C-alpha atoms as a PDB file:
ATOM      1  CA  UNK A   1     -70.916 115.352 120.789  1.00  0.00           C
ATOM      2  CA  UNK A   2     -67.439 116.060 122.100  1.00  0.00           C
ATOM      3  CA  UNK A   3     -64.435 113.846 121.741  1.00  0.00           C
ATOM      4  CA  UNK A   4     -62.419 113.501 124.929  1.00  0.00           C
ATOM      5  CA  UNK A   5     -58.996 112.005 124.401  1.00  0.00           C
ATOM      6  CA  UNK A   6     -56.492 111.131 127.067  1.00  0.00           C
ATOM      7  CA  UNK A   7     -52.886 112.246 126.637  1.00  0.00           C
ATOM      8  CA  UNK A   8     -51.919 108.605 126.021  1.00  0.00           C
ATOM      9  CA  UNK A   9     -54.418 108.309 123.173  1.00  0.00           C
ATOM     10  CA  UNK A  10     -53.230 111.577 121.624  1.00  0.00           C
ATOM     11  CA  UNK A  11     -49.622 110.422 121.888  1.00  0.00           C
ATOM     12  CA  UNK A  12     -50.509 107.089 120.270  1.00  0.00           C
ATOM     13  CA  UNK A  13     -52.255 108.822 117.353  1.00  0.00           C
ATOM     14  CA  UNK A  14     -49.358 111.240 116.874  1.00  0.00           C
ATOM     15  CA  UNK A  15     -46.914 108.323 116.973  1.00  0.00           C
ATOM     16  CA  UNK A  16     -48.867 106.401 114.323  1.00  0.00           C
ATOM     17  CA  UNK A  17     -49.054 109.483 112.093  1.00  0.00           C
ATOM     18  CA  UNK A  18     -45.310 110.119 112.440  1.00  0.00           C
ATOM     19  CA  UNK A  19     -44.475 106.485 111.593  1.00  0.00           C
ATOM     20  CA  UNK A  20     -46.814 106.537 108.589  1.00  0.00           C
ATOM     21  CA  UNK A  21     -45.276 109.769 107.293  1.00  0.00           C
ATOM     22  CA  UNK A  22     -41.780 108.367 107.825  1.00  0.00           C
ATOM     23  CA  UNK A  23     -42.638 105.189 105.904  1.00  0.00           C
ATOM     24  CA  UNK A  24     -44.287 107.221 103.150  1.00  0.00           C
ATOM     25  CA  UNK A  25     -41.226 109.456 102.730  1.00  0.00           C
ATOM     26  CA  UNK A  26     -38.832 106.514 102.855  1.00  0.00           C
ATOM     27  CA  UNK A  27     -40.780 104.641 100.212  1.00  0.00           C
ATOM     28  CA  UNK A  28     -40.919 107.748  98.000  1.00  0.00           C
ATOM     29  CA  UNK A  29     -37.145 108.185  98.245  1.00  0.00           C
ATOM     30  CA  UNK A  30     -36.533 104.527  97.478  1.00  0.00           C
ATOM     31  CA  UNK A  31     -38.984 104.643  94.597  1.00  0.00           C
ATOM     32  CA  UNK A  32     -37.057 107.505  93.013  1.00  0.00           C
ATOM     33  CA  UNK A  33     -33.730 105.758  93.519  1.00  0.00           C
ATOM     34  CA  UNK A  34     -34.834 102.339  92.334  1.00  0.00           C
ATOM     35  CA  UNK A  35     -35.973 101.472  88.852  1.00  0.00           C
ATOM     36  CA  UNK A  36     -38.482  99.024  87.401  1.00  0.00           C
ATOM     37  CA  UNK A  37     -40.630  96.660  89.442  1.00  0.00           C
ATOM     38  CA  UNK A  38     -38.807  97.366  92.692  1.00  0.00           C
ATOM     39  CA  UNK A  39     -39.920 100.992  92.652  1.00  0.00           C
ATOM     40  CA  UNK A  40     -43.527 100.017  92.043  1.00  0.00           C
ATOM     41  CA  UNK A  41     -43.421  97.586  94.970  1.00  0.00           C
ATOM     42  CA  UNK A  42     -42.111 100.237  97.378  1.00  0.00           C
ATOM     43  CA  UNK A  43     -44.664 102.759  96.167  1.00  0.00           C
ATOM     44  CA  UNK A  44     -47.423 100.195  96.609  1.00  0.00           C
ATOM     45  CA  UNK A  45     -46.170  99.363 100.109  1.00  0.00           C
ATOM     46  CA  UNK A  46     -46.343 103.006 101.145  1.00  0.00           C
ATOM     47  CA  UNK A  47     -49.861 103.410  99.794  1.00  0.00           C
ATOM     48  CA  UNK A  48     -50.993 100.206 101.508  1.00  0.00           C
ATOM     49  CA  UNK A  49     -49.573 101.380 104.847  1.00  0.00           C
ATOM     50  CA  UNK A  50     -51.228 104.795 104.569  1.00  0.00           C
ATOM     51  CA  UNK A  51     -54.600 103.273 103.705  1.00  0.00           C
ATOM     52  CA  UNK A  52     -54.273 100.737 106.530  1.00  0.00           C
ATOM     53  CA  UNK A  53     -53.517 103.599 108.921  1.00  0.00           C
ATOM     54  CA  UNK A  54     -56.576 105.511 107.722  1.00  0.00           C
ATOM     55  CA  UNK A  55     -58.823 102.476 108.130  1.00  0.00           C
ATOM     56  CA  UNK A  56     -57.464 101.745 111.602  1.00  0.00           C
ATOM     57  CA  UNK A  57     -57.909 105.391 112.587  1.00  0.00           C
ATOM     58  CA  UNK A  58     -61.563 105.451 111.539  1.00  0.00           C
ATOM     59  CA  UNK A  59     -62.192 102.117 113.249  1.00  0.00           C
ATOM     60  CA  UNK A  60     -60.510 103.348 116.425  1.00  0.00           C
ATOM     61  CA  UNK A  61     -62.679 106.485 116.550  1.00  0.00           C
ATOM     62  CA  UNK A  62     -65.885 104.495 116.014  1.00  0.00           C
ATOM     63  CA  UNK A  63     -64.985 101.825 118.569  1.00  0.00           C
ATOM     64  CA  UNK A  64     -63.887 104.242 121.297  1.00  0.00           C
ATOM     65  CA  UNK A  65     -66.921 106.496 120.805  1.00  0.00           C
ATOM     66  CA  UNK A  66     -69.420 103.705 120.513  1.00  0.00           C
ATOM     67  CA  UNK A  67     -72.956 104.782 119.784  1.00  0.00           C
ATOM     68  CA  UNK A  68     -74.511 102.950 116.860  1.00  0.00           C
ATOM     69  CA  UNK A  69     -74.125  99.188 116.455  1.00  0.00           C
ATOM     70  CA  UNK A  70     -74.863  99.356 112.716  1.00  0.00           C
ATOM     71  CA  UNK A  71     -72.088 101.911 112.186  1.00  0.00           C
ATOM     72  CA  UNK A  72     -69.710  99.715 114.178  1.00  0.00           C
ATOM     73  CA  UNK A  73     -70.530  96.665 112.052  1.00  0.00           C
ATOM     74  CA  UNK A  74     -70.090  98.634 108.810  1.00  0.00           C
ATOM     75  CA  UNK A  75     -66.782 100.151 109.904  1.00  0.00           C
ATOM     76  CA  UNK A  76     -65.407  96.749 110.933  1.00  0.00           C
ATOM     77  CA  UNK A  77     -67.059  94.630 108.246  1.00  0.00           C
ATOM     78  CA  UNK A  78     -66.431  96.636 105.076  1.00  0.00           C
ATOM     79  CA  UNK A  79     -62.613  96.604 105.264  1.00  0.00           C
ATOM     80  CA  UNK A  80     -62.782  92.927 106.228  1.00  0.00           C
ATOM     81  CA  UNK A  81     -64.782  92.178 103.078  1.00  0.00           C
ATOM     82  CA  UNK A  82     -62.272  93.985 100.857  1.00  0.00           C
ATOM     83  CA  UNK A  83     -59.361  92.219 102.558  1.00  0.00           C
ATOM     84  CA  UNK A  84     -61.048  88.823 102.277  1.00  0.00           C
ATOM     85  CA  UNK A  85     -61.777  89.362  98.575  1.00  0.00           C
ATOM     86  CA  UNK A  86     -58.210  90.470  97.865  1.00  0.00           C
ATOM     87  CA  UNK A  87     -56.624  87.610  99.807  1.00  0.00           C
ATOM     88  CA  UNK A  88     -58.947  85.030  98.286  1.00  0.00           C
ATOM     89  CA  UNK A  89     -58.177  86.276  94.794  1.00  0.00           C
ATOM     90  CA  UNK A  90     -54.426  86.351  95.482  1.00  0.00           C
ATOM     91  CA  UNK A  91     -54.284  82.912  97.086  1.00  0.00           C
ATOM     92  CA  UNK A  92     -56.608  81.067  94.720  1.00  0.00           C
ATOM     93  CA  UNK A  93     -54.751  78.915  92.240  1.00  0.00           C
ATOM     94  CA  UNK A  94     -56.456  78.871  88.893  1.00  0.00           C
ATOM     95  CA  UNK A  95     -55.383  76.677  86.025  1.00  0.00           C
ATOM     96  CA  UNK A  96     -56.423  76.634  82.459  1.00  0.00           C
ATOM     97  CA  UNK A  97     -56.084  73.158  81.028  1.00  0.00           C
ATOM     98  CA  UNK A  98     -56.161  73.401  77.274  1.00  0.00           C
ATOM     99  CA  UNK A  99     -56.809  70.205  75.359  1.00  0.00           C
ATOM    100  CA  UNK A 100     -53.695  68.756  73.773  1.00  0.00           C
ATOM    101  CA  UNK A 101     -53.607  67.268  70.331  1.00  0.00           C
ATOM    102  CA  UNK A 102     -54.691  63.698  70.449  1.00  0.00           C
ATOM    103  CA  UNK A 103     -56.456  64.120  73.817  1.00  0.00           C
ATOM    104  CA  UNK A 104     -60.160  63.395  73.474  1.00  0.00           C
ATOM    105  CA  UNK A 105     -61.402  63.885  76.973  1.00  0.00           C
END
């Protein structure tokens, strides 16, 4: 199986890689300059962007070189499941109501 890419597709992939590397380097520089929670947030942002780029790259290859429907569903569905779990966990408001003295409910 050969992969035939048009010059536009190659340019798009190179552009995405350059932007991801630029963001990664910028976040690393800011992480070194900043201290405390701010540095952790920038480092996390860089890692999230790199992982998102990797996921999108794999999905793009599978979609453009379509062959197996099961592989397509796995490649699209698995990241969606992780994202849905993470968002649901982050957006769910949980409370812990402890009984107060004198409350007999």
